[in-house]
Amino acid sequence: MLLKFFEKNTKLLDSLLAAWGTGLIIGPALGGYLAQPAEKYPHIFPKGSFLDKFPYFLPCVVISGVSFVVVIACLWIPETLHKHNGSHADESIDDAETIENGINMVDKEKTVPKNENLFMNWPLMSSIIAYCVFSLHEIAYQEVFSLWCVSPQSLGGLNFSTNGVGNVLAISGVALVIYQLILYQYMVKACGPVVLARIAGIFSIPLLQSYPFIAMLSGIALYIVISIASILKNIFTVTVVTGLFLLQNRAVEQHQRGAANGISMTAISLFKAIGPASGGTILTWSQKRLDAAFLPGMMLN
């Protein structure tokens, strides 16, 4: 039963994260190609025009328009909450929870009490804490990566254009979709989602430590290596997120998952609010301390 639970939920998360990967293809491409249109397309957007004064207005308004269309489309999405009628309602709910939690019907008395305080559920709280810390790391990375790519090489950056950054992120998105739809399910069957998440977390450390060395490259070698690094980072990210999400939902019964995910999303949002500011601040601070004796911004100098 437990294996079926993981397989079913892993497939659902595969589809969800594959959709996210599709967004990683389209989003960076739109942002990269639509930013600063007066400089890239002067024959369409002349100097002194509105988009010349506000060079990032066009990608923002396009993405906002897409979001508005999605919000309107959500009005027609059917409700997924199952409502049971009749005297067998409680029994059917209990049976569904028992199956999803991988517990035999005979041992139903061993399940978690229905009125248990979620904040006292240590497996749930520990998975949420890990999820929050990783979310802080990931949102800070996303903030720093684009800024680092467009920073001049004198400050340890890659001196990419916005088009170049968009291309790198779009390539990463394509690889992520392929990984989620084709490779991930076989790797989960071989290792399990939690073990796979641990492996991805461990390998993320040396990958990120290699970025200062990547900045020493130039030309096509730089473009290829940073694309590979970005692909691996995104793959590691979705692998860890999938494992943590499964752990979080496995820690509670079906009727508690709405509340558990609400607590998780609230905590994660707080950490994600800190991430961009902290990541940008640390990047700026490091670029001002390139030759400092204590905590230099670029260890290769």
C-alpha atoms as a PDB file:
ATOM      1  CA  MET A   1       0.000   0.000   0.000  1.00  0.00           C
ATOM      2  CA  LEU A   2       2.794   2.395   0.893  1.00  0.00           C
ATOM      3  CA  LEU A   3       4.482   1.749  -2.442  1.00  0.00           C
ATOM      4  CA  LYS A   4       1.239   2.491  -4.284  1.00  0.00           C
ATOM      5  CA  PHE A   5       0.867   5.709  -2.294  1.00  0.00           C
ATOM      6  CA  PHE A   6       4.307   6.939  -3.324  1.00  0.00           C
ATOM      7  CA  GLU A   7       3.902   5.835  -6.944  1.00  0.00           C
ATOM      8  CA  LYS A   8       0.534   7.564  -7.323  1.00  0.00           C
ATOM      9  CA  ASN A   9       1.606  10.800  -5.668  1.00  0.00           C
ATOM     10  CA  THR A  10       4.950  10.807  -7.463  1.00  0.00           C
ATOM     11  CA  LYS A  11       3.187  10.644 -10.825  1.00  0.00           C
ATOM     12  CA  LEU A  12       0.931  13.527  -9.821  1.00  0.00           C
ATOM     13  CA  LEU A  13       3.913  15.602  -8.741  1.00  0.00           C
ATOM     14  CA  ASP A  14       5.689  14.671 -11.973  1.00  0.00           C
ATOM     15  CA  SER A  15       2.866  16.265 -13.939  1.00  0.00           C
ATOM     16  CA  LEU A  16       2.783  19.318 -11.683  1.00  0.00           C
ATOM     17  CA  LEU A  17       6.525  19.928 -11.820  1.00  0.00           C
ATOM     18  CA  ALA A  18       6.613  19.237 -15.552  1.00  0.00           C
ATOM     19  CA  ALA A  19       4.112  22.071 -15.927  1.00  0.00           C
ATOM     20  CA  TRP A  20       6.413  24.196 -13.795  1.00  0.00           C
ATOM     21  CA  GLY A  21       9.291  23.233 -16.087  1.00  0.00           C
ATOM     22  CA  THR A  22       7.249  24.381 -19.062  1.00  0.00           C
ATOM     23  CA  GLY A  23       6.887  27.716 -17.314  1.00  0.00           C
ATOM     24  CA  LEU A  24      10.656  27.794 -16.868  1.00  0.00           C
ATOM     25  CA  ILE A  25      10.976  27.527 -20.633  1.00  0.00           C
ATOM     26  CA  ILE A  26       8.474  30.222 -21.550  1.00  0.00           C
ATOM     27  CA  GLY A  27       9.019  32.645 -18.653  1.00  0.00           C
ATOM     28  CA  PRO A  28      12.764  33.295 -18.971  1.00  0.00           C
ATOM     29  CA  ALA A  29      12.476  33.477 -22.745  1.00  0.00           C
ATOM     30  CA  LEU A  30       9.751  36.121 -22.489  1.00  0.00           C
ATOM     31  CA  GLY A  31      11.636  38.057 -19.846  1.00  0.00           C
ATOM     32  CA  GLY A  32      14.927  37.908 -21.703  1.00  0.00           C
ATOM     33  CA  TYR A  33      13.636  38.858 -25.128  1.00  0.00           C
ATOM     34  CA  LEU A  34      11.096  41.482 -24.033  1.00  0.00           C
ATOM     35  CA  ALA A  35      13.276  43.321 -21.508  1.00  0.00           C
ATOM     36  CA  GLN A  36      14.872  46.574 -22.721  1.00  0.00           C
ATOM     37  CA  PRO A  37      13.012  46.510 -26.064  1.00  0.00           C
ATOM     38  CA  ALA A  38      14.225  49.964 -27.126  1.00  0.00           C
ATOM     39  CA  GLU A  39      17.816  48.699 -27.130  1.00  0.00           C
ATOM     40  CA  LYS A  40      17.083  45.369 -28.809  1.00  0.00           C
ATOM     41  CA  TYR A  41      14.419  46.454 -31.276  1.00  0.00           C
ATOM     42  CA  PRO A  42      15.043  50.172 -31.965  1.00  0.00           C
ATOM     43  CA  HIS A  43      13.178  49.992 -35.283  1.00  0.00           C
ATOM     44  CA  ILE A  44       9.995  49.065 -33.382  1.00  0.00           C
ATOM     45  CA  PHE A  45      10.503  50.933 -30.101  1.00  0.00           C
ATOM     46  CA  PRO A  46      12.371  54.203 -30.782  1.00  0.00           C
ATOM     47  CA  LYS A  47      14.568  56.040 -28.316  1.00  0.00           C
ATOM     48  CA  GLY A  48      12.689  58.298 -25.944  1.00  0.00           C
ATOM     49  CA  SER A  49       9.519  56.212 -26.136  1.00  0.00           C
ATOM     50  CA  PHE A  50       7.597  54.957 -23.123  1.00  0.00           C
ATOM     51  CA  LEU A  51       9.315  51.550 -23.228  1.00  0.00           C
ATOM     52  CA  ASP A  52      12.693  53.256 -23.443  1.00  0.00           C
ATOM     53  CA  LYS A  53      11.990  55.072 -20.180  1.00  0.00           C
ATOM     54  CA  PHE A  54      10.561  51.921 -18.588  1.00  0.00           C
ATOM     55  CA  PRO A  55      12.621  49.095 -20.146  1.00  0.00           C
ATOM     56  CA  TYR A  56      11.074  46.304 -18.067  1.00  0.00           C
ATOM     57  CA  PHE A  57       7.444  47.318 -18.459  1.00  0.00           C
ATOM     58  CA  LEU A  58       6.790  45.125 -21.510  1.00  0.00           C
ATOM     59  CA  PRO A  59       7.709  41.726 -19.972  1.00  0.00           C
ATOM     60  CA  CYS A  60       5.866  42.653 -16.782  1.00  0.00           C
ATOM     61  CA  VAL A  61       2.647  43.565 -18.574  1.00  0.00           C
ATOM     62  CA  VAL A  62       2.812  40.450 -20.778  1.00  0.00           C
ATOM     63  CA  ILE A  63       3.277  38.135 -17.792  1.00  0.00           C
ATOM     64  CA  SER A  64       0.525  39.970 -15.913  1.00  0.00           C
ATOM     65  CA  GLY A  65      -1.785  39.444 -18.880  1.00  0.00           C
ATOM     66  CA  VAL A  66      -1.017  35.724 -18.903  1.00  0.00           C
ATOM     67  CA  SER A  67      -1.698  35.540 -15.159  1.00  0.00           C
ATOM     68  CA  PHE A  68      -5.018  37.338 -15.617  1.00  0.00           C
ATOM     69  CA  VAL A  69      -6.089  34.836 -18.286  1.00  0.00           C
ATOM     70  CA  VAL A  70      -5.151  31.946 -15.978  1.00  0.00           C
ATOM     71  CA  VAL A  71      -7.156  33.449 -13.112  1.00  0.00           C
ATOM     72  CA  ILE A  72     -10.213  33.720 -15.360  1.00  0.00           C
ATOM     73  CA  ALA A  73      -9.698  30.146 -16.584  1.00  0.00           C
ATOM     74  CA  CYS A  74      -9.603  28.921 -12.972  1.00  0.00           C
ATOM     75  CA  LEU A  75     -13.274  29.842 -12.638  1.00  0.00           C
ATOM     76  CA  TRP A  76     -14.107  26.790 -14.774  1.00  0.00           C
ATOM     77  CA  ILE A  77     -11.844  24.325 -12.957  1.00  0.00           C
ATOM     78  CA  PRO A  78     -14.028  21.695 -11.226  1.00  0.00           C
ATOM     79  CA  GLU A  79     -13.845  21.248  -7.459  1.00  0.00           C
ATOM     80  CA  THR A  80     -11.850  18.181  -6.378  1.00  0.00           C
ATOM     81  CA  LEU A  81     -13.283  17.906  -2.860  1.00  0.00           C
ATOM     82  CA  HIS A  82     -15.205  14.642  -2.568  1.00  0.00           C
ATOM     83  CA  LYS A  83     -18.512  14.961  -0.753  1.00  0.00           C
ATOM     84  CA  HIS A  84     -20.013  11.734   0.549  1.00  0.00           C
ATOM     85  CA  ASN A  85     -23.705  11.334   1.301  1.00  0.00           C
ATOM     86  CA  GLY A  86     -25.491   8.720   3.329  1.00  0.00           C
ATOM     87  CA  SER A  87     -24.692   6.612   6.370  1.00  0.00           C
ATOM     88  CA  HIS A  88     -21.525   5.195   4.823  1.00  0.00           C
ATOM     89  CA  ALA A  89     -19.849   8.580   4.448  1.00  0.00           C
ATOM     90  CA  ASP A  90     -17.622   8.243   7.502  1.00  0.00           C
ATOM     91  CA  GLU A  91     -16.706   4.676   6.618  1.00  0.00           C
ATOM     92  CA  SER A  92     -15.708   5.580   3.065  1.00  0.00           C
ATOM     93  CA  ILE A  93     -13.582   8.480   4.293  1.00  0.00           C
ATOM     94  CA  ASP A  94     -11.867   6.267   6.848  1.00  0.00           C
ATOM     95  CA  ASP A  95     -11.238   3.588   4.237  1.00  0.00           C
ATOM     96  CA  ALA A  96      -9.703   6.107   1.834  1.00  0.00           C
ATOM     97  CA  GLU A  97      -7.466   7.479   4.563  1.00  0.00           C
ATOM     98  CA  THR A  98      -6.422   3.983   5.596  1.00  0.00           C
ATOM     99  CA  ILE A  99      -5.493   3.032   2.042  1.00  0.00           C
ATOM    100  CA  GLU A 100      -3.587   6.257   1.405  1.00  0.00           C
ATOM    101  CA  ASN A 101      -1.632   5.929   4.620  1.00  0.00           C
ATOM    102  CA  GLY A 102      -0.622   2.373   3.778  1.00  0.00           C
ATOM    103  CA  ILE A 103      -2.226   0.929   6.901  1.00  0.00           C
ATOM    104  CA  ASN A 104      -4.150  -2.328   7.050  1.00  0.00           C
ATOM    105  CA  MET A 105      -7.843  -2.116   7.916  1.00  0.00           C
ATOM    106  CA  VAL A 106      -7.303  -4.380  10.900  1.00  0.00           C
ATOM    107  CA  ASP A 107      -4.838  -1.894  12.401  1.00  0.00           C
ATOM    108  CA  LYS A 108      -7.077   1.137  11.993  1.00  0.00           C
ATOM    109  CA  GLU A 109      -6.836   1.902  15.707  1.00  0.00           C
ATOM    110  CA  LYS A 110      -3.118   2.584  15.216  1.00  0.00           C
ATOM    111  CA  THR A 111      -3.714   5.565  12.946  1.00  0.00           C
ATOM    112  CA  VAL A 112      -3.092   9.121  14.075  1.00  0.00           C
ATOM    113  CA  PRO A 113      -6.027  10.526  16.089  1.00  0.00           C
ATOM    114  CA  LYS A 114      -8.303  12.733  14.024  1.00  0.00           C
ATOM    115  CA  ASN A 115      -8.091  15.657  16.451  1.00  0.00           C
ATOM    116  CA  GLU A 116      -4.327  15.601  16.776  1.00  0.00           C
ATOM    117  CA  ASN A 117      -2.664  19.011  16.943  1.00  0.00           C
ATOM    118  CA  LEU A 118      -0.653  19.323  13.743  1.00  0.00           C
ATOM    119  CA  PHE A 119       1.959  21.447  15.499  1.00  0.00           C
ATOM    120  CA  MET A 120       2.670  18.467  17.767  1.00  0.00           C
ATOM    121  CA  ASN A 121       3.178  16.183  14.783  1.00  0.00           C
ATOM    122  CA  TRP A 122       6.980  16.061  14.646  1.00  0.00           C
ATOM    123  CA  PRO A 123       7.274  14.218  11.289  1.00  0.00           C
ATOM    124  CA  LEU A 124       5.123  16.938   9.721  1.00  0.00           C
ATOM    125  CA  MET A 125       6.911  19.818  11.445  1.00  0.00           C
ATOM    126  CA  SER A 126      10.356  18.450  10.599  1.00  0.00           C
ATOM    127  CA  SER A 127       9.451  18.096   6.917  1.00  0.00           C
ATOM    128  CA  ILE A 128       8.028  21.634   6.898  1.00  0.00           C
ATOM    129  CA  ILE A 129      11.190  23.021   8.521  1.00  0.00           C
ATOM    130  CA  ALA A 130      13.352  21.290   5.920  1.00  0.00           C
ATOM    131  CA  TYR A 131      11.040  22.549   3.171  1.00  0.00           C
ATOM    132  CA  CYS A 132      11.263  26.119   4.506  1.00  0.00           C
ATOM    133  CA  VAL A 133      15.054  26.105   4.682  1.00  0.00           C
ATOM    134  CA  PHE A 134      15.325  24.687   1.183  1.00  0.00           C
ATOM    135  CA  SER A 135      12.802  27.234  -0.128  1.00  0.00           C
ATOM    136  CA  LEU A 136      14.894  30.037   1.350  1.00  0.00           C
ATOM    137  CA  HIS A 137      17.952  28.611  -0.364  1.00  0.00           C
ATOM    138  CA  GLU A 138      16.173  28.177  -3.692  1.00  0.00           C
ATOM    139  CA  ILE A 139      14.557  31.626  -3.867  1.00  0.00           C
ATOM    140  CA  ALA A 140      17.864  33.253  -2.885  1.00  0.00           C
ATOM    141  CA  TYR A 141      19.604  31.270  -5.620  1.00  0.00           C
ATOM    142  CA  GLN A 142      17.055  32.366  -8.215  1.00  0.00           C
ATOM    143  CA  GLU A 143      17.544  35.979  -7.169  1.00  0.00           C
ATOM    144  CA  VAL A 144      21.335  35.791  -7.240  1.00  0.00           C
ATOM    145  CA  PHE A 145      21.742  33.682 -10.377  1.00  0.00           C
ATOM    146  CA  SER A 146      20.300  36.194 -12.838  1.00  0.00           C
ATOM    147  CA  LEU A 147      22.111  39.110 -11.177  1.00  0.00           C
ATOM    148  CA  TRP A 148      25.372  37.161 -11.171  1.00  0.00           C
ATOM    149  CA  CYS A 149      24.975  36.284 -14.856  1.00  0.00           C
ATOM    150  CA  VAL A 150      24.544  39.917 -15.947  1.00  0.00           C
ATOM    151  CA  SER A 151      27.247  41.264 -13.616  1.00  0.00           C
ATOM    152  CA  PRO A 152      30.528  42.301 -15.280  1.00  0.00           C
ATOM    153  CA  GLN A 153      33.429  39.890 -15.152  1.00  0.00           C
ATOM    154  CA  SER A 154      35.405  42.386 -13.093  1.00  0.00           C
ATOM    155  CA  LEU A 155      32.936  41.695 -10.276  1.00  0.00           C
ATOM    156  CA  GLY A 156      33.046  37.933 -10.724  1.00  0.00           C
ATOM    157  CA  GLY A 157      29.980  37.766 -12.979  1.00  0.00           C
ATOM    158  CA  LEU A 158      29.474  36.283 -16.429  1.00  0.00           C
ATOM    159  CA  ASN A 159      28.665  39.521 -18.290  1.00  0.00           C
ATOM    160  CA  PHE A 160      25.672  37.917 -20.023  1.00  0.00           C
ATOM    161  CA  SER A 161      22.956  39.881 -21.758  1.00  0.00           C
ATOM    162  CA  THR A 162      19.335  39.444 -20.715  1.00  0.00           C
ATOM    163  CA  ASN A 163      18.866  37.329 -23.846  1.00  0.00           C
ATOM    164  CA  GLY A 164      21.711  35.074 -22.759  1.00  0.00           C
ATOM    165  CA  VAL A 165      20.259  34.591 -19.292  1.00  0.00           C
ATOM    166  CA  GLY A 166      16.855  33.819 -20.797  1.00  0.00           C
ATOM    167  CA  ASN A 167      18.381  31.236 -23.121  1.00  0.00           C
ATOM    168  CA  VAL A 168      20.208  29.481 -20.280  1.00  0.00           C
ATOM    169  CA  LEU A 169      17.061  29.302 -18.153  1.00  0.00           C
ATOM    170  CA  ALA A 170      14.937  28.161 -21.093  1.00  0.00           C
ATOM    171  CA  ILE A 171      17.386  25.333 -21.833  1.00  0.00           C
ATOM    172  CA  SER A 172      17.183  24.344 -18.175  1.00  0.00           C
ATOM    173  CA  GLY A 173      13.402  24.282 -18.407  1.00  0.00           C
ATOM    174  CA  VAL A 174      13.447  21.955 -21.424  1.00  0.00           C
ATOM    175  CA  ALA A 175      15.794  19.568 -19.623  1.00  0.00           C
ATOM    176  CA  LEU A 176      13.612  19.718 -16.517  1.00  0.00           C
ATOM    177  CA  VAL A 177      10.483  18.708 -18.442  1.00  0.00           C
ATOM    178  CA  ILE A 178      12.329  15.758 -19.993  1.00  0.00           C
ATOM    179  CA  TYR A 179      13.633  14.710 -16.580  1.00  0.00           C
ATOM    180  CA  GLN A 180      10.231  14.903 -14.907  1.00  0.00           C
ATOM    181  CA  LEU A 181       8.270  13.123 -17.625  1.00  0.00           C
ATOM    182  CA  ILE A 182      10.769  10.418 -18.564  1.00  0.00           C
ATOM    183  CA  LEU A 183      13.668   9.883 -16.152  1.00  0.00           C
ATOM    184  CA  TYR A 184      12.354  10.693 -12.688  1.00  0.00           C
ATOM    185  CA  GLN A 185       9.843   7.847 -12.410  1.00  0.00           C
ATOM    186  CA  TYR A 186      12.525   5.236 -13.119  1.00  0.00           C
ATOM    187  CA  MET A 187      14.928   6.795 -10.627  1.00  0.00           C
ATOM    188  CA  VAL A 188      12.217   6.831  -7.951  1.00  0.00           C
ATOM    189  CA  LYS A 189      11.532   3.137  -8.486  1.00  0.00           C
ATOM    190  CA  ALA A 190      15.228   2.408  -8.075  1.00  0.00           C
ATOM    191  CA  CYS A 191      15.997   4.619  -5.062  1.00  0.00           C
ATOM    192  CA  GLY A 192      12.755   5.979  -3.622  1.00  0.00           C
ATOM    193  CA  PRO A 193      11.797   9.677  -3.519  1.00  0.00           C
ATOM    194  CA  VAL A 194      13.318  10.418  -0.106  1.00  0.00           C
ATOM    195  CA  VAL A 195      16.686   8.791  -0.809  1.00  0.00           C
ATOM    196  CA  LEU A 196      16.738  10.512  -4.185  1.00  0.00           C
ATOM    197  CA  ALA A 197      16.059  13.857  -2.499  1.00  0.00           C
ATOM    198  CA  ARG A 198      18.948  13.282  -0.090  1.00  0.00           C
ATOM    199  CA  ILE A 199      21.306  12.470  -2.947  1.00  0.00           C
ATOM    200  CA  ALA A 200      20.201  15.583  -4.838  1.00  0.00           C
ATOM    201  CA  GLY A 201      20.710  17.744  -1.752  1.00  0.00           C
ATOM    202  CA  ILE A 202      24.221  16.410  -1.220  1.00  0.00           C
ATOM    203  CA  PHE A 203      25.292  16.937  -4.823  1.00  0.00           C
ATOM    204  CA  SER A 204      23.868  20.472  -4.823  1.00  0.00           C
ATOM    205  CA  ILE A 205      26.682  21.562  -2.503  1.00  0.00           C
ATOM    206  CA  PRO A 206      29.677  20.859  -4.790  1.00  0.00           C
ATOM    207  CA  LEU A 207      27.667  22.080  -7.776  1.00  0.00           C
ATOM    208  CA  LEU A 208      27.141  25.509  -6.239  1.00  0.00           C
ATOM    209  CA  GLN A 209      30.742  25.610  -5.050  1.00  0.00           C
ATOM    210  CA  SER A 210      31.856  25.224  -8.669  1.00  0.00           C
ATOM    211  CA  TYR A 211      30.219  28.475  -9.821  1.00  0.00           C
ATOM    212  CA  PRO A 212      33.237  30.740  -9.088  1.00  0.00           C
ATOM    213  CA  PHE A 213      35.356  28.444 -11.259  1.00  0.00           C
ATOM    214  CA  ILE A 214      32.750  28.559 -14.029  1.00  0.00           C
ATOM    215  CA  ALA A 215      33.124  32.351 -14.076  1.00  0.00           C
ATOM    216  CA  MET A 216      36.741  31.882 -15.166  1.00  0.00           C
ATOM    217  CA  LEU A 217      35.608  30.414 -18.494  1.00  0.00           C
ATOM    218  CA  SER A 218      34.698  32.396 -21.579  1.00  0.00           C
ATOM    219  CA  GLY A 219      33.057  32.025 -24.963  1.00  0.00           C
ATOM    220  CA  ILE A 220      31.116  28.930 -25.934  1.00  0.00           C
ATOM    221  CA  ALA A 221      32.705  26.896 -23.120  1.00  0.00           C
ATOM    222  CA  LEU A 222      31.204  29.254 -20.549  1.00  0.00           C
ATOM    223  CA  TYR A 223      27.782  29.077 -22.179  1.00  0.00           C
ATOM    224  CA  ILE A 224      27.795  25.269 -22.299  1.00  0.00           C
ATOM    225  CA  VAL A 225      29.084  24.752 -18.759  1.00  0.00           C
ATOM    226  CA  ILE A 226      26.725  27.255 -17.133  1.00  0.00           C
ATOM    227  CA  SER A 227      23.802  25.700 -19.021  1.00  0.00           C
ATOM    228  CA  ILE A 228      24.748  22.255 -17.710  1.00  0.00           C
ATOM    229  CA  ALA A 229      25.137  23.629 -14.190  1.00  0.00           C
ATOM    230  CA  SER A 230      21.740  25.331 -14.383  1.00  0.00           C
ATOM    231  CA  ILE A 231      20.136  22.128 -15.661  1.00  0.00           C
ATOM    232  CA  LEU A 232      21.605  20.099 -12.800  1.00  0.00           C
ATOM    233  CA  LYS A 233      20.566  22.704 -10.238  1.00  0.00           C
ATOM    234  CA  ASN A 234      16.959  22.697 -11.443  1.00  0.00           C
ATOM    235  CA  ILE A 235      16.873  18.901 -11.505  1.00  0.00           C
ATOM    236  CA  PHE A 236      18.233  18.726  -7.962  1.00  0.00           C
ATOM    237  CA  THR A 237      15.679  21.314  -6.862  1.00  0.00           C
ATOM    238  CA  VAL A 238      12.594  19.515  -8.162  1.00  0.00           C
ATOM    239  CA  THR A 239      13.923  16.218  -6.820  1.00  0.00           C
ATOM    240  CA  VAL A 240      14.269  17.639  -3.310  1.00  0.00           C
ATOM    241  CA  VAL A 241      10.919  19.441  -3.494  1.00  0.00           C
ATOM    242  CA  THR A 242       9.139  16.268  -4.597  1.00  0.00           C
ATOM    243  CA  GLY A 243      10.661  14.235  -1.773  1.00  0.00           C
ATOM    244  CA  LEU A 244       9.831  16.838   0.871  1.00  0.00           C
ATOM    245  CA  PHE A 245       6.291  17.252  -0.422  1.00  0.00           C
ATOM    246  CA  LEU A 246       5.682  13.511  -0.247  1.00  0.00           C
ATOM    247  CA  LEU A 247       7.112  13.363   3.271  1.00  0.00           C
ATOM    248  CA  GLN A 248       4.886  16.222   4.343  1.00  0.00           C
ATOM    249  CA  ASN A 249       1.696  14.647   3.010  1.00  0.00           C
ATOM    250  CA  ARG A 250       2.651  11.196   4.281  1.00  0.00           C
ATOM    251  CA  ALA A 251       2.950  12.550   7.828  1.00  0.00           C
ATOM    252  CA  VAL A 252      -0.786  13.284   8.144  1.00  0.00           C
ATOM    253  CA  GLU A 253      -4.061  11.631   7.258  1.00  0.00           C
ATOM    254  CA  GLN A 254      -6.115  12.609   4.257  1.00  0.00           C
ATOM    255  CA  HIS A 255      -8.524  14.865   6.137  1.00  0.00           C
ATOM    256  CA  GLN A 256      -5.587  16.799   7.649  1.00  0.00           C
ATOM    257  CA  ARG A 257      -3.687  17.461   4.437  1.00  0.00           C
ATOM    258  CA  GLY A 258      -5.473  20.698   3.651  1.00  0.00           C
ATOM    259  CA  ALA A 259      -4.539  22.190   7.016  1.00  0.00           C
ATOM    260  CA  ALA A 260      -1.024  20.723   6.846  1.00  0.00           C
ATOM    261  CA  ASN A 261      -0.383  22.207   3.419  1.00  0.00           C
ATOM    262  CA  GLY A 262      -1.812  25.529   4.593  1.00  0.00           C
ATOM    263  CA  ILE A 263       0.660  25.643   7.478  1.00  0.00           C
ATOM    264  CA  SER A 264       3.465  24.608   5.146  1.00  0.00           C
ATOM    265  CA  MET A 265       2.689  27.204   2.475  1.00  0.00           C
ATOM    266  CA  THR A 266       2.389  29.962   5.078  1.00  0.00           C
ATOM    267  CA  ALA A 267       5.771  29.139   6.587  1.00  0.00           C
ATOM    268  CA  ILE A 268       7.391  28.731   3.177  1.00  0.00           C
ATOM    269  CA  SER A 269       6.008  32.093   2.038  1.00  0.00           C
ATOM    270  CA  LEU A 270       7.680  33.785   4.996  1.00  0.00           C
ATOM    271  CA  PHE A 271      11.016  32.225   4.107  1.00  0.00           C
ATOM    272  CA  LYS A 272      10.570  33.071   0.431  1.00  0.00           C
ATOM    273  CA  ALA A 273       9.937  36.680   1.404  1.00  0.00           C
ATOM    274  CA  ILE A 274      13.337  36.753   3.097  1.00  0.00           C
ATOM    275  CA  GLY A 275      15.177  34.976   0.287  1.00  0.00           C
ATOM    276  CA  PRO A 276      15.375  37.657  -2.448  1.00  0.00           C
ATOM    277  CA  ALA A 277      16.410  40.425  -0.068  1.00  0.00           C
ATOM    278  CA  SER A 278      19.024  38.294   1.668  1.00  0.00           C
ATOM    279  CA  GLY A 279      20.372  36.867  -1.586  1.00  0.00           C
ATOM    280  CA  GLY A 280      20.653  40.254  -3.278  1.00  0.00           C
ATOM    281  CA  THR A 281      22.236  41.812  -0.201  1.00  0.00           C
ATOM    282  CA  ILE A 282      24.848  39.078   0.104  1.00  0.00           C
ATOM    283  CA  LEU A 283      25.683  39.330  -3.610  1.00  0.00           C
ATOM    284  CA  THR A 284      26.131  43.102  -3.399  1.00  0.00           C
ATOM    285  CA  TRP A 285      28.196  42.765  -0.241  1.00  0.00           C
ATOM    286  CA  SER A 286      30.420  40.113  -1.813  1.00  0.00           C
ATOM    287  CA  GLN A 287      31.033  42.213  -4.928  1.00  0.00           C
ATOM    288  CA  LYS A 288      32.247  45.042  -2.713  1.00  0.00           C
ATOM    289  CA  ARG A 289      34.675  42.734  -0.898  1.00  0.00           C
ATOM    290  CA  LEU A 290      36.462  41.051  -3.783  1.00  0.00           C
ATOM    291  CA  ASP A 291      39.889  41.535  -2.216  1.00  0.00           C
ATOM    292  CA  ALA A 292      38.902  41.550   1.452  1.00  0.00           C
ATOM    293  CA  ALA A 293      40.983  39.504   3.871  1.00  0.00           C
ATOM    294  CA  PHE A 294      37.880  38.238   5.714  1.00  0.00           C
ATOM    295  CA  LEU A 295      35.062  36.573   3.759  1.00  0.00           C
ATOM    296  CA  PRO A 296      36.121  37.844   0.323  1.00  0.00           C
ATOM    297  CA  GLY A 297      33.469  37.976  -2.351  1.00  0.00           C
ATOM    298  CA  MET A 298      35.503  35.980  -4.860  1.00  0.00           C
ATOM    299  CA  MET A 299      37.875  33.402  -3.464  1.00  0.00           C
ATOM    300  CA  LEU A 300      39.750  33.053  -6.747  1.00  0.00           C
ATOM    301  CA  ASN A 301      41.419  36.468  -6.640  1.00  0.00           C
END
